Amino acid sequence: MQQLWAPWRMEFIEGKKESGCVFCRILKEKTDRENLVLKRTPECFVILNKYPYNNAHLMVVPNEHTNDFVALKPGALNEMGRLAQAATKILQEVVRPEGFNTGMNLGHAAGAGIREHLHLHIVPRWVGDTNFLPVVGLTKSMPQHLLDSYDSLVDHFRRLS
């Protein structure tokens, strides 16, 4: 029997909620591995989702603190697109998913977990990753630890120009 282990979910469920913007805090700090930051650019950064839907679930986050996608500056918008494209290519090479979900949850009604700072999700998907376990058992199996995911991806992101 395999053991299901995703202790980071309980931290999210039971843990104290951080005051202020988590993305702005991470942007100021320089502890990239601890904060799961894979790449920093002048306009954006790429980060592993600390509470992922699937292995290697990434987010592209503008450095500017905003939740208004329409008002996002052209440079940040272009950089988000460039990083999302590069991240998708890296994930194709490293984790070899069979598909992706990408997008933003803008506002409470759309399901945004962090409403004050927009971010673009890139979620690798595999056929069968939504099977009986999450549907019937309300349990998600994560086969790789977050820091192992980080370590397998970070060198690929460092090589991006």
N, C-alpha and C. Protein backbone atom coordinates (compact mmCIF):
# COMPACT_ATOMS: atom_id res chain seq x y z
N MET A 1 0.84 -1.17 0.00
CA MET A 1 0.00 0.00 0.00
C MET A 1 0.89 1.24 0.00
N GLN A 2 0.56 2.20 -0.87
CA GLN A 2 1.30 3.46 -0.90
C GLN A 2 0.73 4.43 0.12
N GLN A 3 1.59 5.23 0.68
CA GLN A 3 1.18 6.24 1.63
C GLN A 3 0.91 7.54 0.89
N LEU A 4 -0.19 8.18 1.21
CA LEU A 4 -0.49 9.50 0.67
C LEU A 4 0.03 10.52 1.65
N TRP A 5 0.80 11.48 1.15
CA TRP A 5 1.43 12.43 2.05
C TRP A 5 1.41 13.81 1.41
N ALA A 6 0.69 14.73 1.99
CA ALA A 6 0.65 16.11 1.53
C ALA A 6 0.50 17.03 2.74
N PRO A 7 1.51 17.08 3.60
CA PRO A 7 1.38 17.83 4.85
C PRO A 7 1.21 19.33 4.66
N TRP A 8 1.63 19.87 3.53
CA TRP A 8 1.49 21.30 3.30
C TRP A 8 0.03 21.72 3.22
N ARG A 9 -0.88 20.82 2.89
CA ARG A 9 -2.30 21.17 2.84
C ARG A 9 -2.84 21.48 4.24
N MET A 10 -2.44 20.72 5.25
CA MET A 10 -2.92 21.00 6.61
C MET A 10 -2.39 22.34 7.10
N GLU A 11 -1.17 22.70 6.73
CA GLU A 11 -0.64 24.01 7.09
C GLU A 11 -1.54 25.10 6.54
N PHE A 12 -1.99 24.94 5.31
CA PHE A 12 -2.88 25.91 4.69
C PHE A 12 -4.25 25.92 5.37
N ILE A 13 -4.79 24.74 5.63
CA ILE A 13 -6.13 24.63 6.20
C ILE A 13 -6.18 25.14 7.64
N GLU A 14 -5.21 24.72 8.46
CA GLU A 14 -5.25 25.03 9.88
C GLU A 14 -4.37 26.21 10.27
N GLY A 15 -3.47 26.60 9.41
CA GLY A 15 -2.47 27.60 9.77
C GLY A 15 -3.01 29.00 9.88
N LYS A 16 -2.25 29.82 10.57
CA LYS A 16 -2.57 31.23 10.72
C LYS A 16 -2.44 31.90 9.36
N LYS A 17 -3.41 32.69 9.00
CA LYS A 17 -3.38 33.37 7.72
C LYS A 17 -2.47 34.59 7.82
N GLU A 18 -1.60 34.73 6.85
CA GLU A 18 -0.63 35.80 6.82
C GLU A 18 -1.32 37.13 6.60
N SER A 19 -0.92 38.16 7.34
CA SER A 19 -1.46 39.49 7.08
C SER A 19 -0.61 40.14 6.00
N GLY A 20 -1.21 40.98 5.23
CA GLY A 20 -0.49 41.59 4.11
C GLY A 20 -0.44 40.67 2.91
N CYS A 21 0.23 41.11 1.90
CA CYS A 21 0.30 40.37 0.64
C CYS A 21 1.48 39.39 0.66
N VAL A 22 1.17 38.12 0.53
CA VAL A 22 2.20 37.09 0.53
C VAL A 22 3.17 37.25 -0.64
N PHE A 23 2.66 37.65 -1.80
CA PHE A 23 3.53 37.81 -2.97
C PHE A 23 4.48 39.00 -2.80
N CYS A 24 4.00 40.09 -2.23
CA CYS A 24 4.87 41.25 -1.99
C CYS A 24 5.94 40.91 -0.95
N ARG A 25 5.57 40.15 0.08
CA ARG A 25 6.56 39.73 1.07
C ARG A 25 7.64 38.88 0.41
N ILE A 26 7.22 37.90 -0.39
CA ILE A 26 8.18 37.01 -1.06
C ILE A 26 9.08 37.80 -2.00
N LEU A 27 8.52 38.78 -2.69
CA LEU A 27 9.29 39.59 -3.63
C LEU A 27 10.41 40.34 -2.90
N LYS A 28 10.16 40.80 -1.68
CA LYS A 28 11.16 41.54 -0.90
C LYS A 28 12.23 40.63 -0.32
N GLU A 29 11.87 39.40 -0.02
CA GLU A 29 12.82 38.47 0.59
C GLU A 29 13.74 37.87 -0.48
N LYS A 30 14.88 37.40 -0.07
CA LYS A 30 15.84 36.82 -1.01
C LYS A 30 16.08 35.33 -0.72
N THR A 31 15.15 34.70 -0.05
CA THR A 31 15.25 33.27 0.27
C THR A 31 14.41 32.50 -0.76
N ASP A 32 14.93 32.44 -1.98
CA ASP A 32 14.15 31.91 -3.09
C ASP A 32 13.77 30.44 -2.93
N ARG A 33 14.68 29.59 -2.49
CA ARG A 33 14.34 28.17 -2.36
C ARG A 33 13.26 27.99 -1.28
N GLU A 34 13.43 28.65 -0.15
CA GLU A 34 12.45 28.56 0.93
C GLU A 34 11.07 29.06 0.47
N ASN A 35 11.07 30.11 -0.35
CA ASN A 35 9.82 30.68 -0.85
C ASN A 35 9.37 30.07 -2.18
N LEU A 36 10.14 29.12 -2.71
CA LEU A 36 9.81 28.39 -3.93
C LEU A 36 9.84 29.27 -5.19
N VAL A 37 10.64 30.36 -5.16
CA VAL A 37 10.77 31.25 -6.31
C VAL A 37 11.76 30.63 -7.29
N LEU A 38 11.30 30.40 -8.51
CA LEU A 38 12.11 29.77 -9.54
C LEU A 38 12.84 30.78 -10.42
N LYS A 39 12.24 31.95 -10.63
CA LYS A 39 12.82 32.96 -11.53
C LYS A 39 12.31 34.33 -11.15
N ARG A 40 13.21 35.31 -11.20
CA ARG A 40 12.85 36.72 -11.00
C ARG A 40 13.25 37.49 -12.25
N THR A 41 12.39 38.39 -12.69
CA THR A 41 12.70 39.29 -13.79
C THR A 41 12.34 40.71 -13.33
N PRO A 42 12.68 41.73 -14.11
CA PRO A 42 12.34 43.09 -13.69
C PRO A 42 10.83 43.34 -13.50
N GLU A 43 9.99 42.57 -14.18
CA GLU A 43 8.55 42.81 -14.13
C GLU A 43 7.75 41.74 -13.38
N CYS A 44 8.29 40.52 -13.26
CA CYS A 44 7.52 39.39 -12.73
C CYS A 44 8.42 38.38 -12.03
N PHE A 45 7.79 37.40 -11.41
CA PHE A 45 8.53 36.25 -10.90
C PHE A 45 7.70 34.99 -11.08
N VAL A 46 8.40 33.85 -11.12
CA VAL A 46 7.76 32.54 -11.26
C VAL A 46 7.97 31.81 -9.94
N ILE A 47 6.91 31.22 -9.44
CA ILE A 47 6.94 30.56 -8.13
C ILE A 47 6.14 29.27 -8.19
N LEU A 48 6.61 28.26 -7.47
CA LEU A 48 5.80 27.06 -7.30
C LEU A 48 4.66 27.38 -6.35
N ASN A 49 3.49 26.85 -6.61
CA ASN A 49 2.36 27.03 -5.70
C ASN A 49 2.63 26.21 -4.44
N LYS A 50 2.60 26.86 -3.29
CA LYS A 50 2.86 26.17 -2.03
C LYS A 50 1.76 25.18 -1.67
N TYR A 51 0.57 25.39 -2.22
CA TYR A 51 -0.59 24.52 -1.98
C TYR A 51 -1.12 24.05 -3.34
N PRO A 52 -0.35 23.18 -4.02
CA PRO A 52 -0.62 22.88 -5.43
C PRO A 52 -1.84 21.99 -5.67
N TYR A 53 -2.41 22.16 -6.86
CA TYR A 53 -3.45 21.26 -7.35
C TYR A 53 -2.83 20.00 -7.92
N ASN A 54 -1.63 20.12 -8.45
CA ASN A 54 -0.89 19.00 -9.04
C ASN A 54 0.60 19.27 -8.87
N ASN A 55 1.41 18.24 -9.07
CA ASN A 55 2.86 18.43 -9.04
C ASN A 55 3.28 19.50 -10.02
N ALA A 56 4.27 20.29 -9.63
CA ALA A 56 4.88 21.32 -10.47
C ALA A 56 3.88 22.41 -10.88
N HIS A 57 2.89 22.65 -10.05
CA HIS A 57 1.92 23.73 -10.26
C HIS A 57 2.64 25.05 -10.02
N LEU A 58 2.79 25.85 -11.07
CA LEU A 58 3.51 27.12 -11.02
C LEU A 58 2.55 28.30 -11.09
N MET A 59 3.09 29.45 -10.71
CA MET A 59 2.37 30.71 -10.89
C MET A 59 3.34 31.76 -11.41
N VAL A 60 2.88 32.58 -12.33
CA VAL A 60 3.63 33.74 -12.81
C VAL A 60 2.95 34.95 -12.18
N VAL A 61 3.76 35.76 -11.46
CA VAL A 61 3.22 36.84 -10.65
C VAL A 61 3.88 38.16 -11.06
N PRO A 62 3.09 39.19 -11.36
CA PRO A 62 3.72 40.49 -11.62
C PRO A 62 4.30 41.06 -10.33
N ASN A 63 5.41 41.77 -10.44
CA ASN A 63 6.00 42.40 -9.27
C ASN A 63 5.11 43.50 -8.71
N GLU A 64 4.39 44.17 -9.59
CA GLU A 64 3.48 45.24 -9.15
C GLU A 64 2.32 44.65 -8.36
N HIS A 65 2.04 45.25 -7.22
CA HIS A 65 0.91 44.81 -6.39
C HIS A 65 -0.37 45.36 -6.99
N THR A 66 -1.09 44.48 -7.68
CA THR A 66 -2.38 44.87 -8.26
C THR A 66 -3.26 43.65 -8.40
N ASN A 67 -4.56 43.88 -8.33
CA ASN A 67 -5.51 42.81 -8.63
C ASN A 67 -6.33 43.16 -9.86
N ASP A 68 -5.92 44.22 -10.56
CA ASP A 68 -6.65 44.72 -11.72
C ASP A 68 -5.92 44.32 -13.00
N PHE A 69 -6.37 43.22 -13.59
CA PHE A 69 -5.74 42.72 -14.81
C PHE A 69 -5.81 43.74 -15.94
N VAL A 70 -6.91 44.46 -16.04
CA VAL A 70 -7.09 45.43 -17.12
C VAL A 70 -6.09 46.57 -17.01
N ALA A 71 -5.70 46.93 -15.79
CA ALA A 71 -4.78 48.05 -15.58
C ALA A 71 -3.31 47.62 -15.56
N LEU A 72 -3.03 46.33 -15.74
CA LEU A 72 -1.65 45.85 -15.71
C LEU A 72 -0.84 46.53 -16.80
N LYS A 73 0.34 47.02 -16.44
CA LYS A 73 1.19 47.73 -17.39
C LYS A 73 1.62 46.80 -18.51
N PRO A 74 1.76 47.33 -19.74
CA PRO A 74 2.13 46.49 -20.89
C PRO A 74 3.40 45.67 -20.68
N GLY A 75 4.41 46.24 -20.04
CA GLY A 75 5.65 45.50 -19.81
C GLY A 75 5.43 44.27 -18.95
N ALA A 76 4.64 44.43 -17.88
CA ALA A 76 4.35 43.30 -16.99
C ALA A 76 3.49 42.27 -17.72
N LEU A 77 2.53 42.73 -18.49
CA LEU A 77 1.67 41.81 -19.24
C LEU A 77 2.49 40.99 -20.24
N ASN A 78 3.38 41.66 -20.96
CA ASN A 78 4.24 40.95 -21.91
C ASN A 78 5.16 39.97 -21.22
N GLU A 79 5.72 40.38 -20.08
CA GLU A 79 6.64 39.50 -19.34
C GLU A 79 5.90 38.30 -18.77
N MET A 80 4.67 38.50 -18.31
CA MET A 80 3.87 37.36 -17.83
C MET A 80 3.68 36.35 -18.94
N GLY A 81 3.34 36.83 -20.12
CA GLY A 81 3.15 35.93 -21.26
C GLY A 81 4.41 35.20 -21.64
N ARG A 82 5.53 35.92 -21.68
CA ARG A 82 6.82 35.30 -22.02
C ARG A 82 7.21 34.25 -21.00
N LEU A 83 7.05 34.56 -19.71
CA LEU A 83 7.39 33.60 -18.66
C LEU A 83 6.43 32.41 -18.65
N ALA A 84 5.17 32.64 -18.91
CA ALA A 84 4.20 31.54 -18.97
C ALA A 84 4.56 30.59 -20.11
N GLN A 85 4.94 31.14 -21.23
CA GLN A 85 5.34 30.31 -22.38
C GLN A 85 6.61 29.52 -22.04
N ALA A 86 7.60 30.18 -21.45
CA ALA A 86 8.85 29.51 -21.09
C ALA A 86 8.61 28.44 -20.02
N ALA A 87 7.76 28.76 -19.03
CA ALA A 87 7.46 27.80 -17.96
C ALA A 87 6.76 26.57 -18.52
N THR A 88 5.85 26.77 -19.45
CA THR A 88 5.15 25.65 -20.07
C THR A 88 6.15 24.74 -20.80
N LYS A 89 7.08 25.36 -21.51
CA LYS A 89 8.10 24.58 -22.23
C LYS A 89 8.97 23.79 -21.26
N ILE A 90 9.39 24.43 -20.17
CA ILE A 90 10.22 23.74 -19.17
C ILE A 90 9.45 22.58 -18.56
N LEU A 91 8.19 22.81 -18.21
CA LEU A 91 7.39 21.73 -17.63
C LEU A 91 7.20 20.58 -18.61
N GLN A 92 7.03 20.90 -19.90
CA GLN A 92 6.92 19.84 -20.91
C GLN A 92 8.17 18.97 -20.91
N GLU A 93 9.33 19.59 -20.79
CA GLU A 93 10.60 18.86 -20.84
C GLU A 93 10.89 18.10 -19.54
N VAL A 94 10.56 18.68 -18.39
CA VAL A 94 10.97 18.11 -17.12
C VAL A 94 9.94 17.15 -16.54
N VAL A 95 8.68 17.55 -16.48
CA VAL A 95 7.67 16.69 -15.84
C VAL A 95 6.78 15.96 -16.84
N ARG A 96 6.87 16.32 -18.11
CA ARG A 96 6.18 15.64 -19.20
C ARG A 96 4.67 15.43 -18.97
N PRO A 97 3.93 16.50 -18.72
CA PRO A 97 2.49 16.33 -18.55
C PRO A 97 1.81 16.05 -19.89
N GLU A 98 0.59 15.61 -19.81
CA GLU A 98 -0.19 15.33 -21.02
C GLU A 98 -1.08 16.51 -21.41
N GLY A 99 -1.07 17.55 -20.58
CA GLY A 99 -1.84 18.75 -20.85
C GLY A 99 -1.60 19.78 -19.75
N PHE A 100 -2.26 20.92 -19.86
CA PHE A 100 -2.13 22.00 -18.89
C PHE A 100 -3.47 22.69 -18.68
N ASN A 101 -3.66 23.20 -17.47
CA ASN A 101 -4.68 24.21 -17.21
C ASN A 101 -3.90 25.49 -16.91
N THR A 102 -4.27 26.58 -17.57
CA THR A 102 -3.65 27.87 -17.29
C THR A 102 -4.75 28.90 -17.10
N GLY A 103 -4.49 29.87 -16.26
CA GLY A 103 -5.47 30.94 -16.11
C GLY A 103 -5.34 31.68 -14.80
N MET A 104 -6.20 32.70 -14.68
CA MET A 104 -6.25 33.54 -13.48
C MET A 104 -7.65 33.50 -12.89
N ASN A 105 -7.70 33.48 -11.58
CA ASN A 105 -8.96 33.61 -10.86
C ASN A 105 -9.01 35.05 -10.36
N LEU A 106 -9.81 35.87 -11.00
CA LEU A 106 -9.86 37.29 -10.68
C LEU A 106 -11.09 37.59 -9.84
N GLY A 107 -10.89 37.85 -8.57
CA GLY A 107 -11.98 38.18 -7.67
C GLY A 107 -12.50 37.00 -6.88
N HIS A 108 -13.20 37.32 -5.82
CA HIS A 108 -13.73 36.31 -4.89
C HIS A 108 -14.67 35.33 -5.60
N ALA A 109 -15.58 35.84 -6.41
CA ALA A 109 -16.56 34.98 -7.09
C ALA A 109 -15.89 34.01 -8.04
N ALA A 110 -14.71 34.35 -8.53
CA ALA A 110 -13.98 33.48 -9.47
C ALA A 110 -13.11 32.46 -8.75
N GLY A 111 -13.07 32.52 -7.42
CA GLY A 111 -12.30 31.55 -6.65
C GLY A 111 -10.89 31.96 -6.33
N ALA A 112 -10.57 33.25 -6.44
CA ALA A 112 -9.21 33.70 -6.14
C ALA A 112 -8.89 33.47 -4.67
N GLY A 113 -7.82 32.72 -4.41
CA GLY A 113 -7.37 32.49 -3.05
C GLY A 113 -6.58 33.67 -2.52
N ILE A 114 -5.83 34.32 -3.39
CA ILE A 114 -5.11 35.54 -3.05
C ILE A 114 -5.69 36.62 -3.96
N ARG A 115 -6.64 37.36 -3.45
CA ARG A 115 -7.40 38.30 -4.27
C ARG A 115 -6.68 39.60 -4.54
N GLU A 116 -5.76 39.98 -3.63
CA GLU A 116 -5.18 41.31 -3.72
C GLU A 116 -4.02 41.42 -4.71
N HIS A 117 -3.51 40.29 -5.21
CA HIS A 117 -2.35 40.34 -6.11
C HIS A 117 -2.57 39.28 -7.20
N LEU A 118 -2.83 39.74 -8.40
CA LEU A 118 -3.14 38.77 -9.46
C LEU A 118 -1.95 37.88 -9.77
N HIS A 119 -2.24 36.70 -10.29
CA HIS A 119 -1.22 35.72 -10.62
C HIS A 119 -1.81 34.73 -11.62
N LEU A 120 -0.96 34.22 -12.48
CA LEU A 120 -1.36 33.28 -13.53
C LEU A 120 -0.92 31.88 -13.13
N HIS A 121 -1.88 30.97 -13.06
CA HIS A 121 -1.60 29.57 -12.72
C HIS A 121 -1.22 28.79 -13.97
N ILE A 122 -0.25 27.90 -13.83
CA ILE A 122 0.10 26.92 -14.86
C ILE A 122 0.11 25.58 -14.15
N VAL A 123 -0.88 24.75 -14.46
CA VAL A 123 -1.07 23.48 -13.76
C VAL A 123 -0.87 22.33 -14.73
N PRO A 124 0.22 21.56 -14.57
CA PRO A 124 0.40 20.37 -15.41
C PRO A 124 -0.70 19.34 -15.12
N ARG A 125 -1.14 18.64 -16.17
CA ARG A 125 -2.21 17.65 -16.00
C ARG A 125 -1.82 16.34 -16.69
N TRP A 126 -2.31 15.25 -16.11
CA TRP A 126 -2.11 13.92 -16.67
C TRP A 126 -3.46 13.23 -16.74
N VAL A 127 -3.63 12.41 -17.75
CA VAL A 127 -4.86 11.63 -17.87
C VAL A 127 -5.00 10.78 -16.61
N GLY A 128 -6.13 10.87 -15.96
CA GLY A 128 -6.38 10.09 -14.75
C GLY A 128 -5.98 10.78 -13.47
N ASP A 129 -5.45 12.04 -13.54
CA ASP A 129 -5.06 12.69 -12.28
C ASP A 129 -6.27 13.12 -11.46
N THR A 130 -7.41 13.19 -12.09
CA THR A 130 -8.66 13.37 -11.34
C THR A 130 -9.39 12.04 -11.47
N ASN A 131 -9.20 11.20 -10.48
CA ASN A 131 -9.77 9.86 -10.51
C ASN A 131 -10.62 9.65 -9.26
N PHE A 132 -10.81 8.41 -8.88
CA PHE A 132 -11.69 8.11 -7.74
C PHE A 132 -11.19 8.71 -6.44
N LEU A 133 -9.88 8.85 -6.27
CA LEU A 133 -9.35 9.31 -4.99
C LEU A 133 -9.86 10.71 -4.62
N PRO A 134 -9.68 11.72 -5.47
CA PRO A 134 -10.22 13.02 -5.09
C PRO A 134 -11.74 13.11 -5.22
N VAL A 135 -12.31 12.38 -6.16
CA VAL A 135 -13.75 12.47 -6.36
C VAL A 135 -14.52 11.78 -5.24
N VAL A 136 -14.14 10.57 -4.89
CA VAL A 136 -14.86 9.81 -3.86
C VAL A 136 -14.23 9.99 -2.48
N GLY A 137 -12.91 9.94 -2.43
CA GLY A 137 -12.22 9.98 -1.14
C GLY A 137 -11.87 11.37 -0.66
N LEU A 138 -12.13 12.40 -1.51
CA LEU A 138 -11.80 13.77 -1.16
C LEU A 138 -10.34 13.91 -0.71
N THR A 139 -9.47 13.16 -1.38
CA THR A 139 -8.04 13.14 -1.06
C THR A 139 -7.25 13.29 -2.36
N LYS A 140 -6.22 14.09 -2.33
CA LYS A 140 -5.37 14.27 -3.50
C LYS A 140 -4.00 13.68 -3.20
N SER A 141 -3.50 12.86 -4.08
CA SER A 141 -2.18 12.25 -3.93
C SER A 141 -1.16 13.11 -4.66
N MET A 142 -0.11 13.52 -3.95
CA MET A 142 0.96 14.30 -4.55
C MET A 142 2.23 13.46 -4.51
N PRO A 143 2.70 12.96 -5.65
CA PRO A 143 3.81 12.01 -5.63
C PRO A 143 5.20 12.63 -5.43
N GLN A 144 5.31 13.96 -5.43
CA GLN A 144 6.63 14.56 -5.28
C GLN A 144 6.56 15.70 -4.27
N HIS A 145 7.55 15.77 -3.38
CA HIS A 145 7.63 16.84 -2.40
C HIS A 145 7.90 18.16 -3.11
N LEU A 146 7.40 19.26 -2.56
CA LEU A 146 7.57 20.58 -3.18
C LEU A 146 9.04 20.93 -3.43
N LEU A 147 9.90 20.70 -2.45
CA LEU A 147 11.31 21.05 -2.65
C LEU A 147 11.99 20.16 -3.68
N ASP A 148 11.53 18.94 -3.83
CA ASP A 148 12.05 18.08 -4.91
C ASP A 148 11.61 18.63 -6.27
N SER A 149 10.36 19.09 -6.35
CA SER A 149 9.89 19.74 -7.58
C SER A 149 10.73 20.98 -7.86
N TYR A 150 10.94 21.79 -6.84
CA TYR A 150 11.75 23.00 -6.99
C TYR A 150 13.14 22.67 -7.52
N ASP A 151 13.79 21.71 -6.89
CA ASP A 151 15.16 21.34 -7.28
C ASP A 151 15.23 20.80 -8.70
N SER A 152 14.18 20.14 -9.15
CA SER A 152 14.19 19.59 -10.51
C SER A 152 13.95 20.67 -11.57
N LEU A 153 13.41 21.82 -11.18
CA LEU A 153 13.05 22.86 -12.14
C LEU A 153 13.97 24.08 -12.12
N VAL A 154 14.54 24.41 -10.98
CA VAL A 154 15.20 25.71 -10.81
C VAL A 154 16.33 25.94 -11.79
N ASP A 155 17.14 24.96 -12.10
CA ASP A 155 18.25 25.18 -13.05
C ASP A 155 17.74 25.54 -14.45
N HIS A 156 16.62 24.96 -14.84
CA HIS A 156 16.02 25.28 -16.15
C HIS A 156 15.58 26.74 -16.18
N PHE A 157 15.02 27.23 -15.08
CA PHE A 157 14.59 28.62 -15.04
C PHE A 157 15.78 29.58 -14.95
N ARG A 158 16.83 29.17 -14.28
CA ARG A 158 18.03 30.03 -14.20
C ARG A 158 18.63 30.27 -15.58
N ARG A 159 18.48 29.33 -16.48
CA ARG A 159 19.04 29.47 -17.82
C ARG A 159 18.21 30.39 -18.72
N LEU A 160 17.03 30.76 -18.29
CA LEU A 160 16.21 31.68 -19.10
C LEU A 160 16.88 33.06 -19.13
N SER A 161 16.81 33.70 -20.28
CA SER A 161 17.38 35.06 -20.35
C SER A 161 16.31 36.08 -20.04
